[in-house]
N, C-alpha and C. Protein backbone atom coordinates (compact mmCIF):
# COMPACT_ATOMS: atom_id res chain seq x y z
N MET A 1 20.06 -50.58 84.73
CA MET A 1 20.16 -51.20 86.04
C MET A 1 19.88 -52.70 85.90
N ALA A 2 20.74 -53.51 86.46
CA ALA A 2 20.58 -54.96 86.38
C ALA A 2 19.49 -55.41 87.34
N LYS A 3 18.83 -56.50 86.98
CA LYS A 3 17.76 -57.02 87.82
C LYS A 3 18.31 -57.61 89.10
N SER A 4 17.47 -57.68 90.11
CA SER A 4 17.87 -58.27 91.39
C SER A 4 17.01 -59.49 91.68
N ALA A 5 17.27 -60.12 92.81
CA ALA A 5 16.55 -61.35 93.18
C ALA A 5 15.06 -61.10 93.33
N THR A 6 14.65 -59.86 93.59
CA THR A 6 13.23 -59.58 93.72
C THR A 6 12.54 -59.62 92.36
N HIS A 7 13.31 -59.54 91.29
CA HIS A 7 12.79 -59.61 89.92
C HIS A 7 13.57 -60.67 89.16
N PRO A 8 13.14 -61.92 89.26
CA PRO A 8 13.89 -62.98 88.59
C PRO A 8 13.84 -62.83 87.07
N LEU A 9 14.83 -63.40 86.43
CA LEU A 9 14.85 -63.46 84.98
C LEU A 9 13.83 -64.52 84.56
N GLN A 10 13.10 -64.25 83.50
CA GLN A 10 12.02 -65.13 83.07
C GLN A 10 12.39 -65.90 81.81
N LEU A 11 12.10 -67.19 81.82
CA LEU A 11 12.23 -67.98 80.60
C LEU A 11 10.92 -67.87 79.83
N PRO A 12 10.98 -68.00 78.51
CA PRO A 12 9.76 -67.89 77.70
C PRO A 12 8.87 -69.13 77.79
N LYS A 13 7.67 -69.02 77.27
CA LYS A 13 6.71 -70.12 77.27
C LYS A 13 7.22 -71.29 76.44
N GLU A 14 7.89 -70.99 75.33
CA GLU A 14 8.43 -72.03 74.46
C GLU A 14 9.95 -71.87 74.40
N LEU A 15 10.65 -72.96 74.69
CA LEU A 15 12.12 -72.92 74.66
C LEU A 15 12.63 -74.22 74.05
N THR A 16 12.70 -74.21 72.73
CA THR A 16 13.20 -75.35 71.97
C THR A 16 14.43 -74.89 71.20
N TYR A 17 14.96 -75.77 70.37
CA TYR A 17 16.15 -75.42 69.59
C TYR A 17 15.92 -74.17 68.75
N ARG A 18 14.67 -73.91 68.37
CA ARG A 18 14.36 -72.72 67.55
C ARG A 18 14.53 -71.42 68.32
N GLN A 19 14.25 -71.42 69.61
CA GLN A 19 14.36 -70.21 70.43
C GLN A 19 15.63 -70.19 71.27
N GLY A 20 16.31 -71.31 71.37
CA GLY A 20 17.44 -71.44 72.29
C GLY A 20 18.52 -70.39 72.12
N ARG A 21 18.99 -70.19 70.90
CA ARG A 21 20.08 -69.25 70.66
C ARG A 21 19.67 -67.82 71.04
N ASP A 22 18.50 -67.40 70.58
CA ASP A 22 18.04 -66.05 70.88
C ASP A 22 17.82 -65.86 72.38
N CYS A 23 17.26 -66.87 73.01
CA CYS A 23 17.03 -66.79 74.46
C CYS A 23 18.35 -66.66 75.20
N LEU A 24 19.34 -67.45 74.81
CA LEU A 24 20.64 -67.38 75.46
C LEU A 24 21.32 -66.03 75.21
N LEU A 25 21.22 -65.53 73.99
CA LEU A 25 21.81 -64.22 73.69
C LEU A 25 21.15 -63.10 74.51
N ARG A 26 19.87 -63.27 74.83
CA ARG A 26 19.17 -62.29 75.67
C ARG A 26 19.52 -62.45 77.14
N LEU A 27 19.60 -63.72 77.60
CA LEU A 27 19.81 -63.97 79.03
C LEU A 27 21.24 -63.80 79.51
N ARG A 28 22.20 -64.23 78.72
CA ARG A 28 23.59 -64.23 79.19
C ARG A 28 24.05 -62.86 79.71
N PRO A 29 23.83 -61.77 78.98
CA PRO A 29 24.26 -60.48 79.53
C PRO A 29 23.50 -60.07 80.79
N LEU A 30 22.23 -60.50 80.89
CA LEU A 30 21.45 -60.19 82.09
C LEU A 30 22.00 -60.95 83.30
N VAL A 31 22.42 -62.17 83.06
CA VAL A 31 22.99 -63.00 84.14
C VAL A 31 24.30 -62.38 84.62
N THR A 32 25.19 -62.05 83.70
CA THR A 32 26.51 -61.54 84.10
C THR A 32 26.44 -60.15 84.71
N ALA A 33 25.45 -59.35 84.32
CA ALA A 33 25.31 -57.99 84.85
C ALA A 33 24.37 -57.92 86.05
N HIS A 34 23.87 -59.06 86.48
CA HIS A 34 22.90 -59.10 87.59
C HIS A 34 23.47 -58.44 88.83
N ALA A 35 22.63 -57.71 89.53
CA ALA A 35 23.08 -56.94 90.69
C ALA A 35 23.42 -57.80 91.90
N ASP A 36 22.83 -58.99 92.00
CA ASP A 36 23.02 -59.82 93.18
C ASP A 36 23.98 -60.98 92.90
N ALA A 37 24.49 -61.57 93.96
CA ALA A 37 25.39 -62.73 93.84
C ALA A 37 24.61 -63.98 93.43
N GLN A 38 23.32 -63.99 93.71
CA GLN A 38 22.47 -65.10 93.29
C GLN A 38 21.53 -64.61 92.19
N VAL A 39 21.59 -65.28 91.06
CA VAL A 39 20.77 -64.92 89.91
C VAL A 39 19.62 -65.92 89.83
N VAL A 40 18.41 -65.43 90.01
CA VAL A 40 17.24 -66.30 89.99
C VAL A 40 16.63 -66.28 88.59
N VAL A 41 16.43 -67.48 88.05
CA VAL A 41 15.78 -67.64 86.76
C VAL A 41 14.47 -68.40 86.99
N ASP A 42 13.37 -67.79 86.60
CA ASP A 42 12.05 -68.40 86.77
C ASP A 42 11.67 -69.15 85.50
N ALA A 43 11.53 -70.47 85.62
CA ALA A 43 11.19 -71.31 84.48
C ALA A 43 9.72 -71.73 84.48
N SER A 44 8.92 -71.16 85.34
CA SER A 44 7.54 -71.61 85.50
C SER A 44 6.68 -71.38 84.26
N ALA A 45 7.04 -70.45 83.40
CA ALA A 45 6.25 -70.19 82.20
C ALA A 45 6.51 -71.20 81.09
N VAL A 46 7.58 -71.96 81.19
CA VAL A 46 7.96 -72.89 80.12
C VAL A 46 6.93 -74.02 80.01
N LYS A 47 6.32 -74.12 78.84
CA LYS A 47 5.33 -75.17 78.59
C LYS A 47 5.78 -76.10 77.45
N VAL A 48 6.48 -75.55 76.47
CA VAL A 48 6.97 -76.32 75.33
C VAL A 48 8.49 -76.25 75.37
N PHE A 49 9.15 -77.42 75.40
CA PHE A 49 10.60 -77.41 75.56
C PHE A 49 11.20 -78.66 74.95
N ASP A 50 12.49 -78.59 74.75
CA ASP A 50 13.28 -79.77 74.41
C ASP A 50 14.62 -79.61 75.12
N SER A 51 15.58 -80.40 74.76
CA SER A 51 16.87 -80.36 75.47
C SER A 51 17.57 -79.01 75.34
N ALA A 52 17.18 -78.20 74.39
CA ALA A 52 17.76 -76.87 74.25
C ALA A 52 17.50 -76.02 75.50
N ALA A 53 16.37 -76.25 76.16
CA ALA A 53 16.06 -75.51 77.39
C ALA A 53 17.12 -75.80 78.45
N LEU A 54 17.52 -77.06 78.56
CA LEU A 54 18.58 -77.41 79.51
C LEU A 54 19.90 -76.78 79.09
N ALA A 55 20.18 -76.79 77.80
CA ALA A 55 21.43 -76.19 77.31
C ALA A 55 21.48 -74.71 77.65
N VAL A 56 20.37 -74.01 77.49
CA VAL A 56 20.32 -72.58 77.83
C VAL A 56 20.57 -72.38 79.32
N LEU A 57 19.91 -73.17 80.15
CA LEU A 57 20.10 -73.03 81.60
C LEU A 57 21.54 -73.35 82.02
N LEU A 58 22.12 -74.37 81.43
CA LEU A 58 23.50 -74.72 81.76
C LEU A 58 24.47 -73.64 81.30
N ALA A 59 24.22 -73.05 80.14
CA ALA A 59 25.07 -71.96 79.66
C ALA A 59 24.93 -70.73 80.56
N CYS A 60 23.73 -70.47 81.04
CA CYS A 60 23.53 -69.35 81.97
C CYS A 60 24.24 -69.63 83.30
N ARG A 61 24.18 -70.87 83.74
CA ARG A 61 24.88 -71.26 84.98
C ARG A 61 26.38 -71.03 84.83
N ARG A 62 26.91 -71.44 83.70
CA ARG A 62 28.34 -71.25 83.43
C ARG A 62 28.70 -69.77 83.38
N ALA A 63 27.86 -68.96 82.74
CA ALA A 63 28.10 -67.51 82.67
C ALA A 63 28.09 -66.90 84.06
N ALA A 64 27.14 -67.34 84.90
CA ALA A 64 27.07 -66.83 86.27
C ALA A 64 28.32 -67.20 87.05
N GLN A 65 28.77 -68.43 86.92
CA GLN A 65 29.97 -68.87 87.64
C GLN A 65 31.20 -68.09 87.20
N GLU A 66 31.27 -67.77 85.92
CA GLU A 66 32.43 -67.03 85.40
C GLU A 66 32.59 -65.66 86.05
N VAL A 67 31.49 -65.10 86.54
CA VAL A 67 31.56 -63.80 87.21
C VAL A 67 31.31 -63.92 88.71
N GLY A 68 31.46 -65.15 89.24
CA GLY A 68 31.37 -65.36 90.67
C GLY A 68 29.97 -65.33 91.24
N LYS A 69 28.97 -65.67 90.43
CA LYS A 69 27.59 -65.66 90.90
C LYS A 69 27.03 -67.09 90.87
N GLN A 70 25.90 -67.26 91.53
CA GLN A 70 25.23 -68.55 91.57
C GLN A 70 23.89 -68.43 90.84
N LEU A 71 23.62 -69.37 89.96
CA LEU A 71 22.34 -69.39 89.24
C LEU A 71 21.37 -70.28 90.01
N ILE A 72 20.19 -69.76 90.27
CA ILE A 72 19.15 -70.50 90.96
C ILE A 72 17.95 -70.58 90.03
N VAL A 73 17.53 -71.79 89.70
CA VAL A 73 16.39 -72.00 88.81
C VAL A 73 15.18 -72.33 89.66
N THR A 74 14.10 -71.58 89.46
CA THR A 74 12.86 -71.84 90.17
C THR A 74 11.78 -72.20 89.16
N GLY A 75 10.78 -72.92 89.62
CA GLY A 75 9.62 -73.21 88.79
C GLY A 75 9.90 -74.13 87.61
N LEU A 76 10.93 -74.94 87.70
CA LEU A 76 11.26 -75.84 86.60
C LEU A 76 10.14 -76.87 86.45
N PRO A 77 9.50 -76.92 85.28
CA PRO A 77 8.40 -77.88 85.09
C PRO A 77 8.86 -79.32 85.33
N LYS A 78 7.94 -80.16 85.78
CA LYS A 78 8.28 -81.56 86.10
C LYS A 78 8.92 -82.28 84.92
N GLY A 79 8.41 -82.06 83.72
CA GLY A 79 8.97 -82.71 82.55
C GLY A 79 10.41 -82.31 82.30
N LEU A 80 10.71 -81.05 82.53
CA LEU A 80 12.08 -80.56 82.36
C LEU A 80 12.97 -81.06 83.49
N GLN A 81 12.40 -81.21 84.69
CA GLN A 81 13.15 -81.81 85.80
C GLN A 81 13.51 -83.25 85.46
N SER A 82 12.55 -83.98 84.91
CA SER A 82 12.80 -85.38 84.53
C SER A 82 13.87 -85.48 83.46
N MET A 83 13.82 -84.57 82.48
CA MET A 83 14.82 -84.57 81.42
C MET A 83 16.20 -84.26 82.00
N ALA A 84 16.26 -83.33 82.93
CA ALA A 84 17.54 -82.98 83.57
C ALA A 84 18.09 -84.19 84.33
N ALA A 85 17.21 -84.92 85.01
CA ALA A 85 17.64 -86.12 85.74
C ALA A 85 18.13 -87.20 84.77
N LEU A 86 17.42 -87.37 83.67
CA LEU A 86 17.80 -88.36 82.67
C LEU A 86 19.20 -88.07 82.12
N TYR A 87 19.48 -86.80 81.87
CA TYR A 87 20.78 -86.40 81.33
C TYR A 87 21.85 -86.25 82.41
N GLY A 88 21.45 -86.36 83.69
CA GLY A 88 22.41 -86.26 84.78
C GLY A 88 22.84 -84.85 85.12
N VAL A 89 22.04 -83.86 84.73
CA VAL A 89 22.41 -82.47 85.02
C VAL A 89 21.49 -81.84 86.07
N ASP A 90 20.60 -82.64 86.63
CA ASP A 90 19.69 -82.11 87.65
C ASP A 90 20.45 -81.54 88.84
N VAL A 91 21.56 -82.16 89.20
CA VAL A 91 22.35 -81.67 90.35
C VAL A 91 22.96 -80.30 90.06
N LEU A 92 23.06 -79.94 88.80
CA LEU A 92 23.61 -78.64 88.44
C LEU A 92 22.54 -77.55 88.42
N LEU A 93 21.30 -77.94 88.25
CA LEU A 93 20.24 -76.95 88.07
C LEU A 93 19.25 -76.85 89.22
N LEU A 94 19.09 -77.92 89.98
CA LEU A 94 18.09 -77.92 91.04
C LEU A 94 18.75 -77.77 92.40
N PRO A 95 18.12 -77.02 93.31
CA PRO A 95 18.69 -76.86 94.65
C PRO A 95 18.73 -78.21 95.37
N PRO A 96 19.73 -78.41 96.24
CA PRO A 96 19.89 -79.69 96.96
C PRO A 96 18.63 -80.13 97.70
N LEU A 97 17.89 -79.21 98.30
CA LEU A 97 16.68 -79.59 99.03
C LEU A 97 15.64 -80.19 98.10
N MET A 98 15.52 -79.65 96.91
CA MET A 98 14.56 -80.17 95.95
C MET A 98 14.97 -81.56 95.48
N LEU A 99 16.26 -81.76 95.27
CA LEU A 99 16.76 -83.06 94.85
C LEU A 99 16.50 -84.12 95.91
N SER A 100 16.74 -83.79 97.19
CA SER A 100 16.54 -84.78 98.24
C SER A 100 15.05 -85.07 98.45
N ALA A 101 14.20 -84.08 98.23
CA ALA A 101 12.75 -84.31 98.34
C ALA A 101 12.28 -85.23 97.23
N ASP A 102 12.79 -85.04 96.01
CA ASP A 102 12.45 -85.93 94.90
C ASP A 102 12.91 -87.34 95.16
N ALA A 103 14.09 -87.50 95.71
CA ALA A 103 14.62 -88.84 96.01
C ALA A 103 13.76 -89.53 97.07
N ALA A 104 13.31 -88.78 98.07
CA ALA A 104 12.48 -89.35 99.12
C ALA A 104 11.14 -89.82 98.55
N ILE A 105 10.58 -89.05 97.64
CA ILE A 105 9.31 -89.42 97.03
C ILE A 105 9.46 -90.69 96.20
N LYS A 106 10.55 -90.80 95.46
CA LYS A 106 10.78 -91.97 94.62
C LYS A 106 10.99 -93.24 95.45
N GLN A 107 11.59 -93.08 96.65
CA GLN A 107 11.86 -94.24 97.49
C GLN A 107 10.62 -94.72 98.24
N GLY A 108 9.71 -93.82 98.38
CA GLY A 108 8.66 -94.32 99.06
C GLY A 108 7.45 -93.99 99.57
């Protein structure tokens, strides 16, 4: 049975280039087989990361879109949010409300 929104998919504590491939191989089938139209991925456990974490999330987003689903990332650590903004992919991973709240804080 595929997971539902009440049980989000969990990212590991460490997600660097060393874990990226295995993490993606584990997550991709869970994303595509997810029972709901919205696939929630909880990133709150991530403490050690590099750009591979963003690559995994973007690949999961792409996999979700290929089967007509939406990927929703929750609990993205601030450092990973900053990295996503630096690379210009924050709009792909963060909900619009979160993006506008961050913009408001930066302005003032």
